[in-house]
Amino acid sequence: MFYSTIMKIDSIDRLRDIRDALLVEQGINPTRNGEQAIRVVVDRIDEIQSTLDKKIEKL
């Protein structure tokens, strides 16, 4: 469920906020699921940034 929800978010700023919150939570209560969640969010940020970079190159 977390993965599909993250994939629906298109705002890099919102994803960065989620990433930051996950990093804080991992610092307080580290879990394997938390690490995985951070990776999912970071991958989504990278995916959106790559798409934006490609659009800019076309201009």
PDB file of N, CA and C in Angstrom:
ATOM      1  N   MET A   1       0.819  -1.187   0.000  1.00  0.00           N
ATOM      2  CA  MET A   1       0.000   0.000   0.000  1.00  0.00           C
ATOM      3  C   MET A   1       0.868   1.259   0.000  1.00  0.00           C
ATOM      4  N   PHE A   2       1.901   1.283   0.799  1.00  0.00           N
ATOM      5  CA  PHE A   2       2.783   2.447   0.859  1.00  0.00           C
ATOM      6  C   PHE A   2       3.381   2.726  -0.512  1.00  0.00           C
ATOM      7  N   TYR A   3       3.850   1.670  -1.186  1.00  0.00           N
ATOM      8  CA  TYR A   3       4.489   1.813  -2.488  1.00  0.00           C
ATOM      9  C   TYR A   3       3.528   2.445  -3.493  1.00  0.00           C
ATOM     10  N   SER A   4       2.318   1.936  -3.578  1.00  0.00           N
ATOM     11  CA  SER A   4       1.360   2.463  -4.557  1.00  0.00           C
ATOM     12  C   SER A   4       0.979   3.906  -4.236  1.00  0.00           C
ATOM     13  N   THR A   5       0.907   4.238  -2.965  1.00  0.00           N
ATOM     14  CA  THR A   5       0.596   5.617  -2.575  1.00  0.00           C
ATOM     15  C   THR A   5       1.719   6.557  -2.994  1.00  0.00           C
ATOM     16  N   ILE A   6       2.945   6.168  -2.747  1.00  0.00           N
ATOM     17  CA  ILE A   6       4.100   7.000  -3.110  1.00  0.00           C
ATOM     18  C   ILE A   6       4.171   7.184  -4.621  1.00  0.00           C
ATOM     19  N   MET A   7       3.860   6.150  -5.382  1.00  0.00           N
ATOM     20  CA  MET A   7       3.931   6.244  -6.837  1.00  0.00           C
ATOM     21  C   MET A   7       2.892   7.223  -7.398  1.00  0.00           C
ATOM     22  N   LYS A   8       1.859   7.532  -6.645  1.00  0.00           N
ATOM     23  CA  LYS A   8       0.828   8.474  -7.097  1.00  0.00           C
ATOM     24  C   LYS A   8       1.214   9.927  -6.836  1.00  0.00           C
ATOM     25  N   ILE A   9       2.208  10.160  -6.001  1.00  0.00           N
ATOM     26  CA  ILE A   9       2.610  11.527  -5.645  1.00  0.00           C
ATOM     27  C   ILE A   9       3.559  12.065  -6.709  1.00  0.00           C
ATOM     28  N   ASP A  10       3.234  13.236  -7.247  1.00  0.00           N
ATOM     29  CA  ASP A  10       4.049  13.836  -8.302  1.00  0.00           C
ATOM     30  C   ASP A  10       4.842  15.057  -7.842  1.00  0.00           C
ATOM     31  N   SER A  11       4.649  15.476  -6.621  1.00  0.00           N
ATOM     32  CA  SER A  11       5.321  16.672  -6.115  1.00  0.00           C
ATOM     33  C   SER A  11       6.643  16.298  -5.443  1.00  0.00           C
ATOM     34  N   ILE A  12       7.736  16.793  -6.006  1.00  0.00           N
ATOM     35  CA  ILE A  12       9.045  16.514  -5.416  1.00  0.00           C
ATOM     36  C   ILE A  12       9.128  17.095  -4.010  1.00  0.00           C
ATOM     37  N   ASP A  13       8.563  18.275  -3.815  1.00  0.00           N
ATOM     38  CA  ASP A  13       8.604  18.893  -2.485  1.00  0.00           C
ATOM     39  C   ASP A  13       7.881  18.029  -1.457  1.00  0.00           C
ATOM     40  N   ARG A  14       6.731  17.501  -1.820  1.00  0.00           N
ATOM     41  CA  ARG A  14       5.974  16.641  -0.896  1.00  0.00           C
ATOM     42  C   ARG A  14       6.756  15.359  -0.613  1.00  0.00           C
ATOM     43  N   LEU A  15       7.352  14.781  -1.639  1.00  0.00           N
ATOM     44  CA  LEU A  15       8.144  13.566  -1.448  1.00  0.00           C
ATOM     45  C   LEU A  15       9.358  13.834  -0.561  1.00  0.00           C
ATOM     46  N   ARG A  16       9.971  14.990  -0.715  1.00  0.00           N
ATOM     47  CA  ARG A  16      11.116  15.337   0.138  1.00  0.00           C
ATOM     48  C   ARG A  16      10.678  15.494   1.587  1.00  0.00           C
ATOM     49  N   ASP A  17       9.491  16.059   1.798  1.00  0.00           N
ATOM     50  CA  ASP A  17       8.958  16.159   3.160  1.00  0.00           C
ATOM     51  C   ASP A  17       8.742  14.773   3.762  1.00  0.00           C
ATOM     52  N   ILE A  18       8.203  13.863   2.959  1.00  0.00           N
ATOM     53  CA  ILE A  18       7.983  12.486   3.423  1.00  0.00           C
ATOM     54  C   ILE A  18       9.316  11.824   3.732  1.00  0.00           C
ATOM     55  N   ARG A  19      10.289  12.014   2.845  1.00  0.00           N
ATOM     56  CA  ARG A  19      11.623  11.439   3.062  1.00  0.00           C
ATOM     57  C   ARG A  19      12.233  11.953   4.358  1.00  0.00           C
ATOM     58  N   ASP A  20      12.142  13.250   4.579  1.00  0.00           N
ATOM     59  CA  ASP A  20      12.697  13.838   5.794  1.00  0.00           C
ATOM     60  C   ASP A  20      12.026  13.270   7.041  1.00  0.00           C
ATOM     61  N   ALA A  21      10.707  13.130   6.990  1.00  0.00           N
ATOM     62  CA  ALA A  21       9.980  12.561   8.133  1.00  0.00           C
ATOM     63  C   ALA A  21      10.395  11.113   8.374  1.00  0.00           C
ATOM     64  N   LEU A  22      10.583  10.361   7.304  1.00  0.00           N
ATOM     65  CA  LEU A  22      11.018   8.970   7.452  1.00  0.00           C
ATOM     66  C   LEU A  22      12.424   8.892   8.041  1.00  0.00           C
ATOM     67  N   LEU A  23      13.304   9.792   7.618  1.00  0.00           N
ATOM     68  CA  LEU A  23      14.666   9.803   8.158  1.00  0.00           C
ATOM     69  C   LEU A  23      14.663  10.106   9.651  1.00  0.00           C
ATOM     70  N   VAL A  24      13.814  11.037  10.069  1.00  0.00           N
ATOM     71  CA  VAL A  24      13.700  11.354  11.495  1.00  0.00           C
ATOM     72  C   VAL A  24      13.189  10.136  12.247  1.00  0.00           C
ATOM     73  N   GLU A  25      12.157   9.503  11.720  1.00  0.00           N
ATOM     74  CA  GLU A  25      11.586   8.319  12.376  1.00  0.00           C
ATOM     75  C   GLU A  25      12.615   7.195  12.449  1.00  0.00           C
ATOM     76  N   GLN A  26      13.389   7.012  11.405  1.00  0.00           N
ATOM     77  CA  GLN A  26      14.428   5.982  11.412  1.00  0.00           C
ATOM     78  C   GLN A  26      15.483   6.282  12.472  1.00  0.00           C
ATOM     79  N   GLY A  27      15.760   7.552  12.689  1.00  0.00           N
ATOM     80  CA  GLY A  27      16.718   7.927  13.726  1.00  0.00           C
ATOM     81  C   GLY A  27      16.211   7.602  15.117  1.00  0.00           C
ATOM     82  N   ILE A  28      14.901   7.714  15.294  1.00  0.00           N
ATOM     83  CA  ILE A  28      14.291   7.442  16.597  1.00  0.00           C
ATOM     84  C   ILE A  28      14.039   5.954  16.788  1.00  0.00           C
ATOM     85  N   ASN A  29      13.485   5.319  15.765  1.00  0.00           N
ATOM     86  CA  ASN A  29      13.076   3.919  15.863  1.00  0.00           C
ATOM     87  C   ASN A  29      13.426   3.191  14.564  1.00  0.00           C
ATOM     88  N   PRO A  30      14.696   2.799  14.385  1.00  0.00           N
ATOM     89  CA  PRO A  30      15.108   2.181  13.129  1.00  0.00           C
ATOM     90  C   PRO A  30      14.432   0.825  12.890  1.00  0.00           C
ATOM     91  N   THR A  31      13.926   0.651  11.669  1.00  0.00           N
ATOM     92  CA  THR A  31      13.331  -0.625  11.268  1.00  0.00           C
ATOM     93  C   THR A  31      13.717  -0.929   9.830  1.00  0.00           C
ATOM     94  N   ARG A  32      13.592  -2.189   9.464  1.00  0.00           N
ATOM     95  CA  ARG A  32      13.866  -2.587   8.085  1.00  0.00           C
ATOM     96  C   ARG A  32      12.817  -1.991   7.149  1.00  0.00           C
ATOM     97  N   ASN A  33      11.563  -1.968   7.590  1.00  0.00           N
ATOM     98  CA  ASN A  33      10.508  -1.376   6.767  1.00  0.00           C
ATOM     99  C   ASN A  33      10.757   0.105   6.540  1.00  0.00           C
ATOM    100  N   GLY A  34      11.287   0.774   7.540  1.00  0.00           N
ATOM    101  CA  GLY A  34      11.607   2.192   7.399  1.00  0.00           C
ATOM    102  C   GLY A  34      12.680   2.423   6.355  1.00  0.00           C
ATOM    103  N   GLU A  35      13.700   1.584   6.358  1.00  0.00           N
ATOM    104  CA  GLU A  35      14.764   1.688   5.354  1.00  0.00           C
ATOM    105  C   GLU A  35      14.200   1.479   3.959  1.00  0.00           C
ATOM    106  N   GLN A  36      13.338   0.486   3.829  1.00  0.00           N
ATOM    107  CA  GLN A  36      12.723   0.188   2.538  1.00  0.00           C
ATOM    108  C   GLN A  36      11.843   1.357   2.084  1.00  0.00           C
ATOM    109  N   ALA A  37      11.098   1.937   3.001  1.00  0.00           N
ATOM    110  CA  ALA A  37      10.236   3.069   2.667  1.00  0.00           C
ATOM    111  C   ALA A  37      11.062   4.255   2.175  1.00  0.00           C
ATOM    112  N   ILE A  38      12.177   4.505   2.832  1.00  0.00           N
ATOM    113  CA  ILE A  38      13.045   5.607   2.408  1.00  0.00           C
ATOM    114  C   ILE A  38      13.549   5.357   0.993  1.00  0.00           C
ATOM    115  N   ARG A  39      13.956   4.122   0.704  1.00  0.00           N
ATOM    116  CA  ARG A  39      14.431   3.798  -0.643  1.00  0.00           C
ATOM    117  C   ARG A  39      13.342   4.030  -1.689  1.00  0.00           C
ATOM    118  N   VAL A  40      12.114   3.646  -1.377  1.00  0.00           N
ATOM    119  CA  VAL A  40      10.999   3.838  -2.309  1.00  0.00           C
ATOM    120  C   VAL A  40      10.795   5.327  -2.590  1.00  0.00           C
ATOM    121  N   VAL A  41      10.807   6.142  -1.548  1.00  0.00           N
ATOM    122  CA  VAL A  41      10.598   7.584  -1.713  1.00  0.00           C
ATOM    123  C   VAL A  41      11.745   8.201  -2.506  1.00  0.00           C
ATOM    124  N   VAL A  42      12.971   7.840  -2.184  1.00  0.00           N
ATOM    125  CA  VAL A  42      14.131   8.388  -2.894  1.00  0.00           C
ATOM    126  C   VAL A  42      14.104   7.964  -4.362  1.00  0.00           C
ATOM    127  N   ASP A  43      13.749   6.721  -4.641  1.00  0.00           N
ATOM    128  CA  ASP A  43      13.643   6.263  -6.030  1.00  0.00           C
ATOM    129  C   ASP A  43      12.587   7.061  -6.789  1.00  0.00           C
ATOM    130  N   ARG A  44      11.473   7.348  -6.136  1.00  0.00           N
ATOM    131  CA  ARG A  44      10.403   8.129  -6.776  1.00  0.00           C
ATOM    132  C   ARG A  44      10.872   9.561  -7.032  1.00  0.00           C
ATOM    133  N   ILE A  45      11.585  10.146  -6.089  1.00  0.00           N
ATOM    134  CA  ILE A  45      12.135  11.492  -6.292  1.00  0.00           C
ATOM    135  C   ILE A  45      13.080  11.484  -7.491  1.00  0.00           C
ATOM    136  N   ASP A  46      13.955  10.486  -7.560  1.00  0.00           N
ATOM    137  CA  ASP A  46      14.899  10.379  -8.675  1.00  0.00           C
ATOM    138  C   ASP A  46      14.172  10.222 -10.008  1.00  0.00           C
ATOM    139  N   GLU A  47      13.104   9.435 -10.005  1.00  0.00           N
ATOM    140  CA  GLU A  47      12.328   9.206 -11.223  1.00  0.00           C
ATOM    141  C   GLU A  47      11.699  10.510 -11.723  1.00  0.00           C
ATOM    142  N   ILE A  48      11.100  11.259 -10.823  1.00  0.00           N
ATOM    143  CA  ILE A  48      10.474  12.529 -11.202  1.00  0.00           C
ATOM    144  C   ILE A  48      11.534  13.521 -11.656  1.00  0.00           C
ATOM    145  N   GLN A  49      12.649  13.593 -10.940  1.00  0.00           N
ATOM    146  CA  GLN A  49      13.718  14.525 -11.310  1.00  0.00           C
ATOM    147  C   GLN A  49      14.276  14.187 -12.681  1.00  0.00           C
ATOM    148  N   SER A  50      14.426  12.913 -12.979  1.00  0.00           N
ATOM    149  CA  SER A  50      14.914  12.486 -14.282  1.00  0.00           C
ATOM    150  C   SER A  50      13.949  12.912 -15.386  1.00  0.00           C
ATOM    151  N   THR A  51      12.667  12.741 -15.144  1.00  0.00           N
ATOM    152  CA  THR A  51      11.654  13.153 -16.115  1.00  0.00           C
ATOM    153  C   THR A  51      11.713  14.660 -16.344  1.00  0.00           C
ATOM    154  N   LEU A  52      11.843  15.416 -15.270  1.00  0.00           N
ATOM    155  CA  LEU A  52      11.937  16.872 -15.400  1.00  0.00           C
ATOM    156  C   LEU A  52      13.196  17.283 -16.155  1.00  0.00           C
ATOM    157  N   ASP A  53      14.303  16.622 -15.870  1.00  0.00           N
ATOM    158  CA  ASP A  53      15.557  16.932 -16.557  1.00  0.00           C
ATOM    159  C   ASP A  53      15.436  16.672 -18.058  1.00  0.00           C
ATOM    160  N   LYS A  54      14.770  15.581 -18.429  1.00  0.00           N
ATOM    161  CA  LYS A  54      14.585  15.257 -19.847  1.00  0.00           C
ATOM    162  C   LYS A  54      13.719  16.310 -20.530  1.00  0.00           C
ATOM    163  N   LYS A  55      12.695  16.788 -19.833  1.00  0.00           N
ATOM    164  CA  LYS A  55      11.829  17.822 -20.407  1.00  0.00           C
ATOM    165  C   LYS A  55      12.608  19.113 -20.619  1.00  0.00           C
ATOM    166  N   ILE A  56      13.479  19.445 -19.682  1.00  0.00           N
ATOM    167  CA  ILE A  56      14.281  20.667 -19.793  1.00  0.00           C
ATOM    168  C   ILE A  56      15.257  20.554 -20.961  1.00  0.00           C
ATOM    169  N   GLU A  57      15.851  19.376 -21.145  1.00  0.00           N
ATOM    170  CA  GLU A  57      16.799  19.174 -22.240  1.00  0.00           C
ATOM    171  C   GLU A  57      16.121  19.359 -23.595  1.00  0.00           C
ATOM    172  N   LYS A  58      14.850  18.999 -23.691  1.00  0.00           N
ATOM    173  CA  LYS A  58      14.121  19.130 -24.955  1.00  0.00           C
ATOM    174  C   LYS A  58      13.834  20.584 -25.295  1.00  0.00           C
ATOM    175  N   LEU A  59      13.803  21.434 -24.278  1.00  0.00           N
ATOM    176  CA  LEU A  59      13.526  22.853 -24.530  1.00  0.00           C
ATOM    177  C   LEU A  59      14.743  23.483 -25.095  1.00  0.00           C
TER     178      LEU A  59
END
